[in-house]
Amino acid sequence: MGDRKDKASAGSSRQRAYVYIVECSDGTLYTGWTRSVRARLRAHNAGRGARYTRGRRPVRLRYWERHPSRAAAMRRERAIKHFPRARKLALIQEFSHRRAAPEERR
């Protein structure tokens, strides 16, 4: 049994996690974390994402960053959610040279 737990924890530590910001159709920004940016964006636009974005579709990916673990991504998400809008827009501006979701850049 201990071996099973070790394998599970080892696998989860290697999984990437991402923090992302989407712009909603009304111009508001939503920040979240995910294991797959592309899948999460599809979920948001299909109405299966966060409650906040359901009535503000379509959403457009504006920013993402990769983290080594879920915990790191969740900490960063929390920090970004507390940023004023101007600071979020500055992040997006700095990032604007990248266009594709991380899974598309292989």
Protein backbone atom coordinates (compact mmCIF):
# COMPACT_ATOMS: atom_id res chain seq x y z
CA MET A 1 0.00 0.00 0.00
CA GLY A 2 2.78 2.44 0.80
CA ASP A 3 4.21 1.82 -2.66
CA ARG A 4 0.92 2.86 -4.22
CA LYS A 5 0.88 6.14 -2.32
CA ASP A 6 4.50 6.85 -3.28
CA LYS A 7 3.75 6.34 -6.98
CA ALA A 8 0.65 8.54 -6.79
CA SER A 9 2.47 11.36 -5.05
CA ALA A 10 5.44 11.08 -7.40
CA GLY A 11 3.16 11.29 -10.43
CA SER A 12 1.26 14.28 -9.11
CA SER A 13 4.45 16.19 -8.36
CA ARG A 14 5.48 15.89 -12.02
CA GLN A 15 2.16 17.15 -13.32
CA ARG A 16 2.23 20.74 -14.42
CA ALA A 17 -0.29 23.24 -13.23
CA TYR A 18 -1.11 26.57 -14.77
CA VAL A 19 -2.51 29.89 -13.64
CA TYR A 20 -4.47 31.72 -16.29
CA ILE A 21 -6.43 34.91 -16.85
CA VAL A 22 -9.33 35.06 -19.27
CA GLU A 23 -11.13 38.15 -20.45
CA CYS A 24 -14.90 37.79 -20.40
CA SER A 25 -17.22 39.20 -23.05
CA ASP A 26 -18.12 42.08 -20.71
CA GLY A 27 -14.44 43.06 -20.34
CA THR A 28 -13.97 41.68 -16.84
CA LEU A 29 -11.04 39.42 -15.99
CA TYR A 30 -11.23 35.98 -14.38
CA THR A 31 -8.22 34.23 -12.86
CA GLY A 32 -8.03 30.49 -12.22
CA TRP A 33 -5.72 27.49 -12.16
CA THR A 34 -5.84 24.27 -14.16
CA ARG A 35 -3.85 21.26 -15.36
CA SER A 36 -4.77 21.98 -19.01
CA VAL A 37 -5.29 25.54 -20.19
CA ARG A 38 -6.82 24.46 -23.49
CA ALA A 39 -9.35 22.12 -21.86
CA ARG A 40 -10.23 24.69 -19.22
CA LEU A 41 -10.80 27.39 -21.85
CA ARG A 42 -13.12 25.03 -23.73
CA ALA A 43 -14.99 24.30 -20.48
CA HIS A 44 -15.44 28.01 -19.75
CA ASN A 45 -16.78 28.66 -23.24
CA ALA A 46 -19.12 25.66 -23.04
CA GLY A 47 -20.67 26.99 -19.82
CA ARG A 48 -19.03 24.30 -17.67
CA GLY A 49 -16.34 26.54 -16.22
CA ALA A 50 -16.59 28.78 -13.20
CA ARG A 51 -19.98 30.19 -12.31
CA TYR A 52 -18.57 33.69 -12.81
CA THR A 53 -17.79 33.06 -16.48
CA ARG A 54 -20.98 31.21 -17.40
CA GLY A 55 -22.97 34.36 -18.08
CA ARG A 56 -20.00 36.22 -19.56
CA ARG A 57 -19.17 34.04 -22.54
CA PRO A 58 -17.27 33.83 -24.69
CA VAL A 59 -14.06 34.18 -22.75
CA ARG A 60 -10.66 34.77 -24.31
CA LEU A 61 -7.34 33.56 -22.92
CA ARG A 62 -5.16 36.56 -22.14
CA TYR A 63 -2.43 35.18 -19.85
CA TRP A 64 -0.99 31.92 -18.52
CA GLU A 65 2.01 30.78 -16.54
CA ARG A 66 3.26 27.29 -15.68
CA HIS A 67 3.96 26.04 -12.16
CA PRO A 68 5.61 22.85 -10.92
CA SER A 69 2.68 21.84 -8.71
CA ARG A 70 -0.98 22.39 -8.00
CA ALA A 71 -0.12 23.99 -4.66
CA ALA A 72 2.23 26.51 -6.31
CA ALA A 73 -0.38 27.36 -8.95
CA MET A 74 -3.08 27.80 -6.31
CA ARG A 75 -0.86 30.14 -4.28
CA ARG A 76 -0.12 32.23 -7.36
CA GLU A 77 -3.80 32.26 -8.35
CA ARG A 78 -4.70 33.60 -4.92
CA ALA A 79 -2.05 36.30 -5.21
CA ILE A 80 -3.16 37.39 -8.68
CA LYS A 81 -6.82 37.48 -7.61
CA HIS A 82 -5.83 40.09 -5.05
CA PHE A 83 -4.04 42.27 -7.62
CA PRO A 84 -5.81 45.43 -8.70
CA ARG A 85 -7.12 45.34 -12.27
CA ALA A 86 -4.29 47.60 -13.47
CA ARG A 87 -1.66 45.13 -12.24
CA LYS A 88 -3.47 42.23 -13.97
CA LEU A 89 -3.55 44.24 -17.19
CA ALA A 90 0.20 44.88 -16.82
CA LEU A 91 0.78 41.11 -16.55
CA ILE A 92 -1.30 40.59 -19.68
CA GLN A 93 0.59 43.35 -21.52
CA GLU A 94 3.96 41.80 -20.68
CA PHE A 95 2.68 38.43 -21.84
CA SER A 96 1.06 39.59 -25.07
CA HIS A 97 3.93 38.42 -27.26
CA ARG A 98 2.83 34.81 -26.63
CA ARG A 99 -0.31 33.74 -28.47
CA ALA A 100 -0.87 29.99 -28.02
CA ALA A 101 -1.92 27.98 -24.97
CA PRO A 102 0.98 25.99 -23.49
CA GLU A 103 -0.20 22.62 -24.85
CA GLU A 104 -0.15 24.09 -28.36
CA ARG A 105 3.50 25.15 -28.16
CA ARG A 106 4.98 21.61 -28.32
